[in-house]
């Protein structure tokens, strides 16, 4: 067996594992994560409140020219930021798995 055939075989095995095990597990994990209070759509009023506060802080800071010329910072929505931090790793893992599947599909011989 050549190195290329071995590589394609290993890639196929990994792709099958991703489709049959990784994706279903990640769907369940992401669903659980989205049920948590900080990511729930039931918390939209908290997200809007935090957005209004960060916009107010930025508006107050932007009236001072020295702040704009010096260390100007744009406010962030802490609720959204914390939510993104909690899903970022999961999304990155899924993107890597999709890249593996893309490579595998590109290596399937035309029949």
C-alpha atoms as a PDB file:
ATOM      1  CA  UNK A   1       0.000   0.000   0.000  1.00  0.00           C
ATOM      2  CA  UNK A   2       1.418   3.348  -0.970  1.00  0.00           C
ATOM      3  CA  UNK A   3       1.685   6.330   1.352  1.00  0.00           C
ATOM      4  CA  UNK A   4      -1.029   8.142  -0.579  1.00  0.00           C
ATOM      5  CA  UNK A   5      -3.431   5.197  -0.283  1.00  0.00           C
ATOM      6  CA  UNK A   6      -2.698   4.963   3.441  1.00  0.00           C
ATOM      7  CA  UNK A   7      -3.323   8.688   3.848  1.00  0.00           C
ATOM      8  CA  UNK A   8      -6.637   8.468   1.994  1.00  0.00           C
ATOM      9  CA  UNK A   9      -7.640   5.431   4.077  1.00  0.00           C
ATOM     10  CA  UNK A  10      -6.854   7.253   7.327  1.00  0.00           C
ATOM     11  CA  UNK A  11      -8.701  10.315   6.053  1.00  0.00           C
ATOM     12  CA  UNK A  12     -11.733   8.160   5.210  1.00  0.00           C
ATOM     13  CA  UNK A  13     -11.718   6.610   8.675  1.00  0.00           C
ATOM     14  CA  UNK A  14     -11.504  10.029  10.299  1.00  0.00           C
ATOM     15  CA  UNK A  15     -14.278  11.406   8.080  1.00  0.00           C
ATOM     16  CA  UNK A  16     -16.568   8.496   8.975  1.00  0.00           C
ATOM     17  CA  UNK A  17     -15.895   9.078  12.664  1.00  0.00           C
ATOM     18  CA  UNK A  18     -16.699  12.781  12.260  1.00  0.00           C
ATOM     19  CA  UNK A  19     -20.001  12.066  10.504  1.00  0.00           C
ATOM     20  CA  UNK A  20     -21.130   9.235  12.781  1.00  0.00           C
ATOM     21  CA  UNK A  21     -19.788  10.361  16.169  1.00  0.00           C
ATOM     22  CA  UNK A  22     -18.415  13.905  16.297  1.00  0.00           C
ATOM     23  CA  UNK A  23     -21.242  15.806  14.577  1.00  0.00           C
ATOM     24  CA  UNK A  24     -24.085  14.152  16.544  1.00  0.00           C
ATOM     25  CA  UNK A  25     -22.201  14.693  19.819  1.00  0.00           C
ATOM     26  CA  UNK A  26     -21.488  18.336  18.977  1.00  0.00           C
ATOM     27  CA  UNK A  27     -25.148  18.969  18.106  1.00  0.00           C
ATOM     28  CA  UNK A  28     -26.161  17.727  21.556  1.00  0.00           C
ATOM     29  CA  UNK A  29     -23.393  19.754  23.254  1.00  0.00           C
ATOM     30  CA  UNK A  30     -24.323  22.949  21.391  1.00  0.00           C
ATOM     31  CA  UNK A  31     -28.005  22.423  22.166  1.00  0.00           C
ATOM     32  CA  UNK A  32     -27.177  22.118  25.878  1.00  0.00           C
ATOM     33  CA  UNK A  33     -25.015  25.215  25.651  1.00  0.00           C
ATOM     34  CA  UNK A  34     -27.814  27.191  23.990  1.00  0.00           C
ATOM     35  CA  UNK A  35     -30.182  26.203  26.787  1.00  0.00           C
ATOM     36  CA  UNK A  36     -28.016  27.992  29.356  1.00  0.00           C
ATOM     37  CA  UNK A  37     -29.429  31.316  30.580  1.00  0.00           C
ATOM     38  CA  UNK A  38     -26.681  33.537  29.149  1.00  0.00           C
ATOM     39  CA  UNK A  39     -27.344  32.254  25.602  1.00  0.00           C
ATOM     40  CA  UNK A  40     -31.105  31.846  25.815  1.00  0.00           C
ATOM     41  CA  UNK A  41     -33.357  33.988  23.646  1.00  0.00           C
ATOM     42  CA  UNK A  42     -35.357  34.571  26.816  1.00  0.00           C
ATOM     43  CA  UNK A  43     -32.502  36.856  27.884  1.00  0.00           C
ATOM     44  CA  UNK A  44     -32.928  39.338  25.008  1.00  0.00           C
ATOM     45  CA  UNK A  45     -33.950  42.127  27.379  1.00  0.00           C
ATOM     46  CA  UNK A  46     -30.624  41.704  29.193  1.00  0.00           C
ATOM     47  CA  UNK A  47     -28.750  41.804  25.885  1.00  0.00           C
ATOM     48  CA  UNK A  48     -30.568  44.961  24.818  1.00  0.00           C
ATOM     49  CA  UNK A  49     -29.938  46.613  28.199  1.00  0.00           C
ATOM     50  CA  UNK A  50     -26.234  45.808  28.002  1.00  0.00           C
ATOM     51  CA  UNK A  51     -26.105  47.154  24.432  1.00  0.00           C
ATOM     52  CA  UNK A  52     -27.779  50.394  25.480  1.00  0.00           C
ATOM     53  CA  UNK A  53     -25.311  50.775  28.364  1.00  0.00           C
ATOM     54  CA  UNK A  54     -22.258  50.193  26.149  1.00  0.00           C
ATOM     55  CA  UNK A  55     -23.576  52.666  23.550  1.00  0.00           C
ATOM     56  CA  UNK A  56     -24.181  55.256  26.286  1.00  0.00           C
ATOM     57  CA  UNK A  57     -20.664  54.752  27.650  1.00  0.00           C
ATOM     58  CA  UNK A  58     -19.175  55.125  24.172  1.00  0.00           C
ATOM     59  CA  UNK A  59     -21.248  58.235  23.444  1.00  0.00           C
ATOM     60  CA  UNK A  60     -20.144  59.831  26.711  1.00  0.00           C
ATOM     61  CA  UNK A  61     -16.502  59.017  25.987  1.00  0.00           C
ATOM     62  CA  UNK A  62     -16.684  60.287  22.412  1.00  0.00           C
ATOM     63  CA  UNK A  63     -17.668  63.794  23.539  1.00  0.00           C
ATOM     64  CA  UNK A  64     -14.185  64.168  24.993  1.00  0.00           C
ATOM     65  CA  UNK A  65     -11.765  64.933  22.114  1.00  0.00           C
ATOM     66  CA  UNK A  66      -8.756  63.837  24.167  1.00  0.00           C
ATOM     67  CA  UNK A  67     -10.296  60.394  24.545  1.00  0.00           C
ATOM     68  CA  UNK A  68     -10.769  60.074  20.786  1.00  0.00           C
ATOM     69  CA  UNK A  69      -7.234  61.235  20.052  1.00  0.00           C
ATOM     70  CA  UNK A  70      -5.703  59.046  22.738  1.00  0.00           C
ATOM     71  CA  UNK A  71      -6.869  55.679  23.921  1.00  0.00           C
ATOM     72  CA  UNK A  72     -10.340  55.470  22.374  1.00  0.00           C
ATOM     73  CA  UNK A  73     -12.159  52.207  22.963  1.00  0.00           C
ATOM     74  CA  UNK A  74     -15.480  51.081  21.659  1.00  0.00           C
ATOM     75  CA  UNK A  75     -17.763  49.545  24.232  1.00  0.00           C
ATOM     76  CA  UNK A  76     -18.737  45.929  23.888  1.00  0.00           C
ATOM     77  CA  UNK A  77     -21.872  44.090  24.836  1.00  0.00           C
ATOM     78  CA  UNK A  78     -20.657  41.906  27.694  1.00  0.00           C
ATOM     79  CA  UNK A  79     -23.556  39.469  27.399  1.00  0.00           C
ATOM     80  CA  UNK A  80     -22.854  38.827  23.713  1.00  0.00           C
ATOM     81  CA  UNK A  81     -19.105  38.691  24.321  1.00  0.00           C
ATOM     82  CA  UNK A  82     -19.457  36.065  27.058  1.00  0.00           C
ATOM     83  CA  UNK A  83     -21.797  34.050  24.853  1.00  0.00           C
ATOM     84  CA  UNK A  84     -19.321  34.149  21.976  1.00  0.00           C
ATOM     85  CA  UNK A  85     -16.499  33.075  24.260  1.00  0.00           C
ATOM     86  CA  UNK A  86     -18.478  30.013  25.297  1.00  0.00           C
ATOM     87  CA  UNK A  87     -19.283  28.880  21.736  1.00  0.00           C
ATOM     88  CA  UNK A  88     -16.081  29.969  19.958  1.00  0.00           C
ATOM     89  CA  UNK A  89     -14.170  26.768  20.796  1.00  0.00           C
ATOM     90  CA  UNK A  90     -17.072  24.581  19.702  1.00  0.00           C
ATOM     91  CA  UNK A  91     -17.452  26.431  16.415  1.00  0.00           C
ATOM     92  CA  UNK A  92     -13.711  26.231  15.744  1.00  0.00           C
ATOM     93  CA  UNK A  93     -13.755  22.476  16.360  1.00  0.00           C
ATOM     94  CA  UNK A  94     -16.664  22.037  13.954  1.00  0.00           C
ATOM     95  CA  UNK A  95     -14.924  24.144  11.308  1.00  0.00           C
ATOM     96  CA  UNK A  96     -11.839  21.923  11.556  1.00  0.00           C
ATOM     97  CA  UNK A  97     -14.016  18.830  11.220  1.00  0.00           C
ATOM     98  CA  UNK A  98     -15.675  20.334   8.119  1.00  0.00           C
ATOM     99  CA  UNK A  99     -12.250  21.014   6.626  1.00  0.00           C
ATOM    100  CA  UNK A 100     -11.325  17.361   7.156  1.00  0.00           C
ATOM    101  CA  UNK A 101     -14.539  16.284   5.411  1.00  0.00           C
ATOM    102  CA  UNK A 102     -13.868  18.693   2.555  1.00  0.00           C
ATOM    103  CA  UNK A 103     -10.403  17.198   2.079  1.00  0.00           C
ATOM    104  CA  UNK A 104     -11.818  13.685   2.178  1.00  0.00           C
ATOM    105  CA  UNK A 105     -14.501  14.487  -0.410  1.00  0.00           C
ATOM    106  CA  UNK A 106     -11.901  16.046  -2.698  1.00  0.00           C
ATOM    107  CA  UNK A 107      -9.849  12.832  -2.516  1.00  0.00           C
ATOM    108  CA  UNK A 108     -12.703  10.446  -3.376  1.00  0.00           C
ATOM    109  CA  UNK A 109     -11.828   8.933  -6.738  1.00  0.00           C
ATOM    110  CA  UNK A 110     -14.254   9.718  -9.541  1.00  0.00           C
ATOM    111  CA  UNK A 111     -16.259   6.656 -10.426  1.00  0.00           C
END
